[in-house]
Protein backbone atom coordinates (compact mmCIF):
# COMPACT_ATOMS: atom_id res chain seq x y z
CA UNK A 1 13.40 35.51 0.98
CA UNK A 2 16.57 33.44 1.25
CA UNK A 3 14.54 30.28 1.78
CA UNK A 4 12.83 30.79 -1.56
CA UNK A 5 16.20 31.03 -3.31
CA UNK A 6 17.48 28.01 -1.45
CA UNK A 7 14.47 25.87 -2.37
CA UNK A 8 14.54 26.89 -6.02
CA UNK A 9 18.31 26.29 -6.20
CA UNK A 10 18.00 22.83 -4.69
CA UNK A 11 15.08 21.97 -6.98
CA UNK A 12 16.93 23.11 -10.08
CA UNK A 13 20.08 21.22 -9.04
CA UNK A 14 18.00 18.09 -8.49
CA UNK A 15 16.28 18.39 -11.86
CA UNK A 16 19.62 18.98 -13.62
CA UNK A 17 21.13 15.95 -11.91
CA UNK A 18 18.12 13.79 -12.74
CA UNK A 19 18.11 14.86 -16.37
CA UNK A 20 21.85 14.16 -16.63
CA UNK A 21 21.39 10.72 -15.06
CA UNK A 22 18.34 9.84 -17.18
CA UNK A 23 19.89 10.82 -20.50
CA UNK A 24 21.13 7.23 -21.00
CA UNK A 25 18.57 4.65 -22.02
CA UNK A 26 19.86 1.97 -19.61
CA UNK A 27 19.49 4.38 -16.67
CA UNK A 28 15.92 5.23 -17.70
CA UNK A 29 15.13 1.52 -18.02
CA UNK A 30 16.65 0.81 -14.60
CA UNK A 31 14.58 3.57 -12.95
CA UNK A 32 11.37 2.37 -14.62
CA UNK A 33 12.05 -1.21 -13.51
CA UNK A 34 12.61 -0.07 -9.92
CA UNK A 35 9.36 1.93 -9.97
CA UNK A 36 7.42 -1.06 -11.35
CA UNK A 37 8.95 -3.31 -8.70
CA UNK A 38 7.98 -0.87 -5.92
CA UNK A 39 4.44 -0.62 -7.30
CA UNK A 40 4.17 -4.41 -7.48
CA UNK A 41 5.34 -4.72 -3.87
CA UNK A 42 2.77 -2.19 -2.66
CA UNK A 43 -0.05 -3.89 -4.57
CA UNK A 44 0.90 -7.29 -3.13
CA UNK A 45 0.93 -5.94 0.43
CA UNK A 46 -2.52 -4.40 -0.05
CA UNK A 47 -3.82 -7.69 -1.47
CA UNK A 48 -2.44 -9.64 1.50
CA UNK A 49 -4.15 -7.25 3.93
CA UNK A 50 -7.41 -7.43 2.02
CA UNK A 51 -7.53 -11.23 2.07
CA UNK A 52 -6.85 -11.24 5.82
CA UNK A 53 -9.74 -8.86 6.37
CA UNK A 54 -12.05 -10.90 4.15
CA UNK A 55 -11.12 -14.06 6.08
CA UNK A 56 -11.97 -12.33 9.36
CA UNK A 57 -15.51 -11.72 8.15
CA UNK A 58 -16.10 -15.31 7.05
CA UNK A 59 -14.43 -17.63 9.57
CA UNK A 60 -16.42 -20.69 8.52
CA UNK A 61 -14.59 -21.10 5.20
CA UNK A 62 -11.13 -22.35 6.15
CA UNK A 63 -10.47 -21.22 9.71
CA UNK A 64 -11.98 -23.89 11.88
CA UNK A 65 -10.64 -22.40 15.13
CA UNK A 66 -12.19 -19.00 14.40
CA UNK A 67 -15.46 -20.63 13.35
CA UNK A 68 -15.53 -22.50 16.67
CA UNK A 69 -14.95 -19.27 18.62
CA UNK A 70 -17.76 -17.54 16.72
CA UNK A 71 -20.10 -20.45 17.39
CA UNK A 72 -19.25 -20.11 21.09
CA UNK A 73 -20.23 -16.44 21.02
CA UNK A 74 -17.06 -14.56 20.13
CA UNK A 75 -17.87 -11.73 17.71
CA UNK A 76 -14.53 -9.89 17.66
CA UNK A 77 -13.56 -10.99 14.14
CA UNK A 78 -16.99 -10.22 12.74
CA UNK A 79 -17.13 -6.77 14.38
CA UNK A 80 -13.62 -5.97 13.19
CA UNK A 81 -14.53 -7.00 9.65
CA UNK A 82 -17.66 -4.82 9.71
CA UNK A 83 -15.74 -1.78 10.99
CA UNK A 84 -13.05 -2.10 8.32
CA UNK A 85 -15.59 -2.53 5.54
CA UNK A 86 -17.55 0.52 6.73
CA UNK A 87 -14.38 2.61 6.78
CA UNK A 88 -13.54 1.44 3.24
CA UNK A 89 -16.99 2.46 2.04
CA UNK A 90 -16.59 5.92 3.59
CA UNK A 91 -13.27 6.38 1.80
CA UNK A 92 -14.74 5.41 -1.57
């Protein structure tokens, strides 16, 4: 029972503090800018990872060393690419 009161008290104190802080327009603008910046950073990291995965599946485009390994029989990059793409399709 005491935990319920503690959680509700902390939540109400947090919301009161946030509303007091966000009452000024410059504070609201600052928070929105920080959120946009964090979102942009996350999107860029996902894009970097995606291009690395796409490159692993097509080594002949600009990765001459990987293309040479595949021509010699190495299939690690191709198998890894296929596994990642299959997992992405399952998630969608």
